[in-house]
């Protein structure tokens, strides 16, 4: 077993609704969606230190800044030191 596997405290799957992002101006939507994902995971995993995988960011930005997806399915892994990593499912 590797050191990272030994440090895992909690591992959860989330479907994050990004509909609320549609309330902001079009050109800000994808950037706001990234901030919303960070806030959502921070709230649900009870940690301020959230690291988002570049693949999650690429998925949100895949259709450009104006049309982010309506929802994103992610896996959140919380380690013993309080860091939460977010990966695309």
Protein backbone atom coordinates (compact mmCIF):
# COMPACT_ATOMS: atom_id res chain seq x y z
CA UNK A 1 0.00 0.00 0.00
CA UNK A 2 1.43 3.40 -0.96
CA UNK A 3 1.72 6.35 1.40
CA UNK A 4 -1.12 8.25 -0.29
CA UNK A 5 -3.53 5.35 0.17
CA UNK A 6 -2.63 5.17 3.85
CA UNK A 7 -3.36 8.88 4.30
CA UNK A 8 -6.88 8.81 2.82
CA UNK A 9 -9.51 9.79 5.35
CA UNK A 10 -12.71 10.14 3.26
CA UNK A 11 -13.56 9.47 -0.40
CA UNK A 12 -16.92 10.58 -1.84
CA UNK A 13 -18.67 10.99 -5.20
CA UNK A 14 -20.62 14.17 -5.91
CA UNK A 15 -22.79 15.43 -8.75
CA UNK A 16 -22.34 19.19 -8.57
CA UNK A 17 -25.18 21.24 -10.11
CA UNK A 18 -23.81 24.24 -11.99
CA UNK A 19 -27.17 25.80 -12.88
CA UNK A 20 -26.62 28.66 -10.44
CA UNK A 21 -23.69 29.79 -12.62
CA UNK A 22 -26.14 30.74 -15.37
CA UNK A 23 -27.19 33.78 -13.32
CA UNK A 24 -23.89 35.57 -13.97
CA UNK A 25 -22.87 37.32 -17.23
CA UNK A 26 -22.01 34.93 -20.06
CA UNK A 27 -18.32 35.72 -20.24
CA UNK A 28 -17.82 34.87 -16.54
CA UNK A 29 -19.67 31.55 -16.38
CA UNK A 30 -16.85 29.00 -16.65
CA UNK A 31 -14.60 30.87 -14.21
CA UNK A 32 -17.47 31.18 -11.76
CA UNK A 33 -18.23 27.46 -12.19
CA UNK A 34 -14.68 26.60 -11.09
CA UNK A 35 -15.06 28.79 -8.00
CA UNK A 36 -18.46 27.19 -7.30
CA UNK A 37 -16.95 23.68 -7.49
CA UNK A 38 -14.26 24.74 -5.01
CA UNK A 39 -16.86 26.25 -2.64
CA UNK A 40 -19.19 23.22 -2.94
CA UNK A 41 -16.41 20.75 -2.12
CA UNK A 42 -15.11 22.96 0.68
CA UNK A 43 -18.58 23.07 2.25
CA UNK A 44 -19.32 19.35 1.92
CA UNK A 45 -15.87 18.00 2.85
CA UNK A 46 -15.30 20.52 5.68
CA UNK A 47 -11.91 21.72 4.47
CA UNK A 48 -10.65 25.02 3.08
CA UNK A 49 -7.70 23.47 1.22
CA UNK A 50 -9.20 22.17 -2.06
CA UNK A 51 -7.08 21.13 -5.06
CA UNK A 52 -8.97 20.78 -8.37
CA UNK A 53 -7.57 18.39 -10.98
CA UNK A 54 -6.83 20.04 -14.37
CA UNK A 55 -9.18 17.52 -16.06
CA UNK A 56 -12.12 18.94 -14.08
CA UNK A 57 -11.15 22.41 -15.23
CA UNK A 58 -10.78 21.27 -18.84
CA UNK A 59 -14.21 19.62 -18.73
CA UNK A 60 -15.86 22.81 -17.44
CA UNK A 61 -14.04 24.98 -20.00
CA UNK A 62 -14.56 22.46 -22.87
CA UNK A 63 -17.43 24.42 -24.43
CA UNK A 64 -15.85 27.80 -23.74
CA UNK A 65 -16.39 30.45 -21.10
CA UNK A 66 -20.01 31.11 -22.06
CA UNK A 67 -21.52 27.60 -21.93
CA UNK A 68 -20.26 25.47 -19.04
CA UNK A 69 -21.98 22.10 -18.49
CA UNK A 70 -25.10 21.99 -16.30
CA UNK A 71 -23.56 19.47 -13.88
CA UNK A 72 -20.26 17.80 -13.24
CA UNK A 73 -19.64 14.43 -11.55
CA UNK A 74 -16.51 14.39 -9.39
CA UNK A 75 -14.70 12.26 -6.83
CA UNK A 76 -13.44 14.12 -3.75
CA UNK A 77 -10.66 12.55 -1.69
CA UNK A 78 -9.81 14.03 1.71
CA UNK A 79 -6.39 13.20 3.17
CA UNK A 80 -5.40 13.16 6.84
CA UNK A 81 -3.57 16.50 6.51
CA UNK A 82 -6.82 18.25 5.46
CA UNK A 83 -6.12 18.57 1.72
CA UNK A 84 -9.04 17.64 -0.56
CA UNK A 85 -8.31 16.56 -4.15
CA UNK A 86 -11.12 16.75 -6.72
CA UNK A 87 -10.99 14.42 -9.73
CA UNK A 88 -13.32 13.85 -12.66
CA UNK A 89 -15.32 10.60 -12.52
